[in-house]
């Protein structure tokens, strides 16, 4: 079995991590928000009532939507967040789909 995370392979590569992509429904920017939307619609329609809390319900729905959009954008902006929310760590190297390579020079501007 190969070593799953190598540290300081050389001066260009700090470490390597291996991941496997989860189904889209299980991504952190899809699955949890489906549950949050379902829970909010239940609370809004059954517990609070649409007529009584119409504006508040729409505001809460907009807040959930904005948070979902931000989480999705974080997945585009950071490969680390994308791997956490869309992938699972691979324990056997035969099942590798995505490899994350961290360079110590990736954030330096020269």
N, C-alpha and C. Protein backbone atom coordinates (compact mmCIF):
# COMPACT_ATOMS: atom_id res chain seq x y z
N UNK A 1 0.84 -1.17 0.00
CA UNK A 1 0.00 0.00 0.00
C UNK A 1 0.89 1.24 0.00
N UNK A 2 0.56 2.19 -0.84
CA UNK A 2 1.34 3.41 -0.95
C UNK A 2 1.03 4.36 0.20
N UNK A 3 1.99 5.19 0.50
CA UNK A 3 1.78 6.21 1.53
C UNK A 3 0.78 7.23 0.99
N UNK A 4 -0.25 7.57 1.78
CA UNK A 4 -1.35 8.39 1.28
C UNK A 4 -1.06 9.88 1.30
N UNK A 5 -0.24 10.36 2.18
CA UNK A 5 0.11 11.78 2.21
C UNK A 5 1.60 11.91 2.42
N UNK A 6 2.28 12.37 1.41
CA UNK A 6 3.72 12.54 1.51
C UNK A 6 4.01 13.98 1.90
N UNK A 7 4.94 14.17 2.82
CA UNK A 7 5.26 15.54 3.24
C UNK A 7 6.60 15.95 2.65
N UNK A 8 6.65 17.15 2.11
CA UNK A 8 7.86 17.76 1.55
C UNK A 8 8.56 16.83 0.57
N UNK A 9 7.90 16.48 -0.52
CA UNK A 9 8.48 15.61 -1.53
C UNK A 9 9.70 16.25 -2.17
N UNK A 10 9.61 17.51 -2.46
CA UNK A 10 10.74 18.30 -2.93
C UNK A 10 10.42 19.77 -2.67
N UNK A 11 11.24 20.68 -3.23
CA UNK A 11 11.00 22.09 -2.93
C UNK A 11 9.77 22.64 -3.65
N UNK A 12 9.24 21.95 -4.64
CA UNK A 12 8.07 22.41 -5.38
C UNK A 12 6.76 21.81 -4.86
N UNK A 13 6.80 20.64 -4.25
CA UNK A 13 5.59 19.95 -3.79
C UNK A 13 5.67 19.78 -2.28
N UNK A 14 4.71 20.38 -1.59
CA UNK A 14 4.68 20.29 -0.14
C UNK A 14 4.05 18.98 0.32
N UNK A 15 2.86 18.63 -0.24
CA UNK A 15 2.24 17.35 0.07
C UNK A 15 1.26 16.97 -1.03
N UNK A 16 0.88 15.69 -1.03
CA UNK A 16 -0.05 15.15 -2.01
C UNK A 16 -1.16 14.42 -1.26
N UNK A 17 -2.42 14.70 -1.61
CA UNK A 17 -3.57 14.01 -1.03
C UNK A 17 -4.39 13.42 -2.16
N UNK A 18 -5.04 12.28 -1.89
CA UNK A 18 -5.82 11.59 -2.91
C UNK A 18 -7.29 11.56 -2.53
N UNK A 19 -8.16 11.82 -3.53
CA UNK A 19 -9.60 11.91 -3.30
C UNK A 19 -10.38 11.17 -4.37
N UNK A 20 -11.61 10.82 -4.01
CA UNK A 20 -12.57 10.23 -4.93
C UNK A 20 -13.82 11.10 -4.90
N UNK A 21 -14.38 11.41 -6.07
CA UNK A 21 -15.53 12.30 -6.15
C UNK A 21 -16.79 11.58 -5.69
N UNK A 22 -17.57 12.24 -4.82
CA UNK A 22 -18.85 11.71 -4.36
C UNK A 22 -19.93 12.03 -5.39
N UNK A 23 -21.07 11.32 -5.35
CA UNK A 23 -22.19 11.68 -6.23
C UNK A 23 -22.65 13.12 -5.94
N UNK A 24 -23.18 13.79 -6.96
CA UNK A 24 -23.55 15.20 -6.85
C UNK A 24 -24.52 15.47 -5.71
N UNK A 25 -25.44 14.57 -5.47
CA UNK A 25 -26.41 14.76 -4.40
C UNK A 25 -25.75 14.80 -3.02
N UNK A 26 -24.59 14.19 -2.89
CA UNK A 26 -23.87 14.16 -1.62
C UNK A 26 -22.84 15.27 -1.49
N UNK A 27 -22.75 16.15 -2.48
CA UNK A 27 -21.83 17.27 -2.37
C UNK A 27 -22.31 18.22 -1.28
N UNK A 28 -21.39 18.88 -0.62
CA UNK A 28 -21.72 19.75 0.49
C UNK A 28 -22.50 20.99 0.12
N UNK A 29 -22.55 21.32 -1.16
CA UNK A 29 -23.33 22.48 -1.59
C UNK A 29 -24.67 22.08 -2.19
N UNK A 30 -25.02 20.78 -2.17
CA UNK A 30 -26.30 20.32 -2.70
C UNK A 30 -27.11 19.61 -1.61
N UNK A 31 -26.64 18.48 -1.14
CA UNK A 31 -27.38 17.63 -0.20
C UNK A 31 -27.84 18.33 1.07
N UNK A 32 -26.93 18.96 1.80
CA UNK A 32 -27.37 19.63 3.03
C UNK A 32 -28.39 20.74 2.78
N UNK A 33 -28.25 21.43 1.67
CA UNK A 33 -29.18 22.51 1.38
C UNK A 33 -30.55 21.99 0.97
N UNK A 34 -30.61 20.81 0.36
CA UNK A 34 -31.92 20.21 0.09
C UNK A 34 -32.66 19.94 1.40
N UNK A 35 -31.93 19.46 2.39
CA UNK A 35 -32.53 19.23 3.70
C UNK A 35 -32.93 20.54 4.37
N UNK A 36 -32.09 21.56 4.26
CA UNK A 36 -32.40 22.86 4.87
C UNK A 36 -33.62 23.47 4.21
N UNK A 37 -33.68 23.43 2.87
CA UNK A 37 -34.86 23.96 2.17
C UNK A 37 -36.13 23.19 2.58
N UNK A 38 -36.03 21.87 2.63
CA UNK A 38 -37.21 21.07 3.01
C UNK A 38 -37.66 21.39 4.43
N UNK A 39 -36.70 21.51 5.35
CA UNK A 39 -37.05 21.84 6.74
C UNK A 39 -37.67 23.23 6.82
N UNK A 40 -37.11 24.19 6.06
CA UNK A 40 -37.66 25.54 6.12
C UNK A 40 -39.07 25.59 5.52
N UNK A 41 -39.29 24.92 4.39
CA UNK A 41 -40.63 24.92 3.80
C UNK A 41 -41.65 24.25 4.72
N UNK A 42 -41.23 23.21 5.43
CA UNK A 42 -42.12 22.57 6.40
C UNK A 42 -42.47 23.55 7.52
N UNK A 43 -41.44 24.17 8.10
CA UNK A 43 -41.68 25.12 9.20
C UNK A 43 -42.52 26.29 8.73
N UNK A 44 -42.22 26.80 7.54
CA UNK A 44 -42.91 27.97 7.03
C UNK A 44 -44.38 27.69 6.72
N UNK A 45 -44.65 26.55 6.09
CA UNK A 45 -46.03 26.26 5.68
C UNK A 45 -46.86 25.63 6.79
N UNK A 46 -46.29 24.70 7.55
CA UNK A 46 -47.06 23.95 8.54
C UNK A 46 -47.07 24.65 9.91
N UNK A 47 -45.92 25.05 10.39
CA UNK A 47 -45.82 25.58 11.75
C UNK A 47 -46.20 27.06 11.82
N UNK A 48 -45.57 27.89 10.97
CA UNK A 48 -45.79 29.33 11.05
C UNK A 48 -46.98 29.80 10.22
N UNK A 49 -47.14 29.24 9.05
CA UNK A 49 -48.23 29.66 8.16
C UNK A 49 -47.75 30.66 7.11
N UNK A 50 -48.12 30.41 5.86
CA UNK A 50 -47.71 31.28 4.77
C UNK A 50 -48.30 32.68 4.87
N UNK A 51 -49.55 32.76 5.26
CA UNK A 51 -50.22 34.06 5.29
C UNK A 51 -49.67 34.96 6.39
N UNK A 52 -49.37 34.39 7.52
CA UNK A 52 -48.92 35.18 8.66
C UNK A 52 -47.47 35.65 8.52
N UNK A 53 -46.63 34.82 7.95
CA UNK A 53 -45.20 35.11 7.87
C UNK A 53 -44.70 35.08 6.43
N UNK A 54 -45.42 35.68 5.51
CA UNK A 54 -45.05 35.62 4.10
C UNK A 54 -43.71 36.31 3.84
N UNK A 55 -43.55 37.56 4.28
CA UNK A 55 -42.31 38.30 4.04
C UNK A 55 -41.13 37.69 4.79
N UNK A 56 -41.35 37.31 6.03
CA UNK A 56 -40.27 36.69 6.81
C UNK A 56 -39.84 35.37 6.18
N UNK A 57 -40.78 34.62 5.66
CA UNK A 57 -40.45 33.36 5.00
C UNK A 57 -39.63 33.56 3.75
N UNK A 58 -39.97 34.58 2.98
CA UNK A 58 -39.19 34.88 1.78
C UNK A 58 -37.79 35.38 2.12
N UNK A 59 -37.69 36.16 3.18
CA UNK A 59 -36.36 36.63 3.61
C UNK A 59 -35.50 35.46 4.05
N UNK A 60 -36.07 34.56 4.83
CA UNK A 60 -35.31 33.38 5.27
C UNK A 60 -34.92 32.52 4.08
N UNK A 61 -35.79 32.38 3.11
CA UNK A 61 -35.49 31.61 1.90
C UNK A 61 -34.35 32.27 1.12
N UNK A 62 -34.36 33.59 1.05
CA UNK A 62 -33.28 34.32 0.37
C UNK A 62 -31.95 34.15 1.10
N UNK A 63 -31.99 34.17 2.44
CA UNK A 63 -30.77 33.99 3.22
C UNK A 63 -30.18 32.59 2.98
N UNK A 64 -31.03 31.58 2.96
CA UNK A 64 -30.55 30.22 2.68
C UNK A 64 -29.95 30.16 1.28
N UNK A 65 -30.59 30.81 0.32
CA UNK A 65 -30.07 30.83 -1.05
C UNK A 65 -28.72 31.53 -1.16
N UNK A 66 -28.56 32.65 -0.46
CA UNK A 66 -27.29 33.37 -0.48
C UNK A 66 -26.19 32.52 0.15
N UNK A 67 -26.49 31.85 1.24
CA UNK A 67 -25.49 30.97 1.87
C UNK A 67 -25.11 29.83 0.93
N UNK A 68 -26.08 29.26 0.22
CA UNK A 68 -25.77 28.20 -0.73
C UNK A 68 -24.90 28.71 -1.88
N UNK A 69 -25.19 29.90 -2.36
CA UNK A 69 -24.37 30.48 -3.42
C UNK A 69 -22.94 30.73 -2.93
N UNK A 70 -22.79 31.24 -1.71
CA UNK A 70 -21.45 31.47 -1.16
C UNK A 70 -20.68 30.17 -1.00
N UNK A 71 -21.33 29.14 -0.51
CA UNK A 71 -20.67 27.83 -0.37
C UNK A 71 -20.23 27.31 -1.73
N UNK A 72 -21.08 27.46 -2.74
CA UNK A 72 -20.72 27.04 -4.09
C UNK A 72 -19.54 27.84 -4.63
N UNK A 73 -19.51 29.13 -4.36
CA UNK A 73 -18.39 29.95 -4.81
C UNK A 73 -17.11 29.59 -4.07
N UNK A 74 -17.20 29.27 -2.78
CA UNK A 74 -16.02 28.82 -2.05
C UNK A 74 -15.43 27.58 -2.68
N UNK A 75 -16.29 26.72 -3.23
CA UNK A 75 -15.79 25.52 -3.92
C UNK A 75 -15.02 25.89 -5.18
N UNK A 76 -15.39 26.98 -5.83
CA UNK A 76 -14.65 27.43 -7.01
C UNK A 76 -13.36 28.15 -6.64
N UNK A 77 -13.36 28.86 -5.53
CA UNK A 77 -12.22 29.66 -5.13
C UNK A 77 -11.12 28.85 -4.45
N UNK A 78 -11.47 27.78 -3.74
CA UNK A 78 -10.47 27.05 -2.96
C UNK A 78 -10.56 25.55 -3.27
N UNK A 79 -9.45 25.00 -3.69
CA UNK A 79 -9.43 23.57 -3.99
C UNK A 79 -9.56 22.75 -2.70
N UNK A 80 -9.11 23.29 -1.57
CA UNK A 80 -9.23 22.57 -0.30
C UNK A 80 -10.69 22.45 0.11
N UNK A 81 -11.44 23.54 0.00
CA UNK A 81 -12.86 23.49 0.33
C UNK A 81 -13.61 22.61 -0.65
N UNK A 82 -13.23 22.67 -1.93
CA UNK A 82 -13.87 21.82 -2.93
C UNK A 82 -13.67 20.34 -2.61
N UNK A 83 -12.47 19.98 -2.22
CA UNK A 83 -12.20 18.57 -1.89
C UNK A 83 -12.98 18.14 -0.65
N UNK A 84 -13.09 19.01 0.34
CA UNK A 84 -13.83 18.67 1.55
C UNK A 84 -15.32 18.47 1.25
N UNK A 85 -15.88 19.35 0.41
CA UNK A 85 -17.32 19.32 0.16
C UNK A 85 -17.76 18.38 -0.95
N UNK A 86 -16.85 17.99 -1.85
CA UNK A 86 -17.27 17.18 -2.99
C UNK A 86 -16.59 15.82 -3.07
N UNK A 87 -15.61 15.58 -2.25
CA UNK A 87 -14.83 14.34 -2.38
C UNK A 87 -14.69 13.62 -1.05
N UNK A 88 -14.27 12.38 -1.14
CA UNK A 88 -13.91 11.61 0.06
C UNK A 88 -12.48 11.15 -0.10
N UNK A 89 -11.78 11.08 1.02
CA UNK A 89 -10.38 10.63 0.97
C UNK A 89 -10.29 9.19 0.50
N UNK A 90 -9.27 8.90 -0.30
CA UNK A 90 -9.05 7.55 -0.82
C UNK A 90 -8.06 6.84 0.09
N UNK A 91 -8.42 5.64 0.49
CA UNK A 91 -7.53 4.86 1.34
C UNK A 91 -6.73 3.84 0.52
N UNK A 92 -7.25 3.43 -0.62
CA UNK A 92 -6.56 2.48 -1.50
C UNK A 92 -6.23 3.21 -2.79
N UNK A 93 -4.97 3.21 -3.21
CA UNK A 93 -4.54 4.01 -4.34
C UNK A 93 -5.15 3.57 -5.67
N UNK A 94 -5.75 2.42 -5.75
CA UNK A 94 -6.38 1.97 -6.99
C UNK A 94 -7.61 2.81 -7.31
N UNK A 95 -8.28 3.36 -6.30
CA UNK A 95 -9.53 4.09 -6.46
C UNK A 95 -9.36 5.60 -6.59
N UNK A 96 -8.17 6.09 -6.89
CA UNK A 96 -7.90 7.53 -6.95
C UNK A 96 -8.57 8.14 -8.17
N UNK A 97 -9.28 9.25 -7.96
CA UNK A 97 -9.87 10.01 -9.05
C UNK A 97 -9.25 11.41 -9.12
N UNK A 98 -9.05 12.05 -7.98
CA UNK A 98 -8.49 13.41 -7.92
C UNK A 98 -7.27 13.39 -7.02
N UNK A 99 -6.23 14.09 -7.46
CA UNK A 99 -5.02 14.25 -6.66
C UNK A 99 -4.84 15.72 -6.36
N UNK A 100 -4.69 16.07 -5.09
CA UNK A 100 -4.45 17.44 -4.66
C UNK A 100 -2.97 17.57 -4.34
N UNK A 101 -2.29 18.46 -5.07
CA UNK A 101 -0.87 18.70 -4.85
C UNK A 101 -0.72 20.10 -4.31
N UNK A 102 -0.11 20.24 -3.14
CA UNK A 102 0.07 21.53 -2.47
C UNK A 102 1.50 21.98 -2.66
N UNK A 103 1.65 23.14 -3.29
CA UNK A 103 2.97 23.71 -3.50
C UNK A 103 3.20 24.82 -2.49
N UNK A 104 4.38 24.91 -1.90
CA UNK A 104 4.64 25.97 -0.93
C UNK A 104 4.72 27.35 -1.60
N UNK A 105 4.90 27.39 -2.92
CA UNK A 105 5.05 28.66 -3.63
C UNK A 105 3.76 29.11 -4.31
N UNK A 106 2.65 28.42 -4.10
CA UNK A 106 1.43 28.73 -4.85
C UNK A 106 0.81 30.07 -4.46
N UNK A 107 1.05 30.58 -3.28
CA UNK A 107 0.44 31.84 -2.86
C UNK A 107 1.44 33.00 -2.81
N UNK A 108 2.67 32.75 -3.22
CA UNK A 108 3.68 33.81 -3.21
C UNK A 108 3.63 34.57 -4.52
N UNK A 109 3.70 35.87 -4.42
CA UNK A 109 3.73 36.70 -5.61
C UNK A 109 5.13 37.31 -5.73
N UNK A 110 5.71 37.20 -6.91
CA UNK A 110 7.08 37.66 -7.03
C UNK A 110 7.24 38.64 -8.04
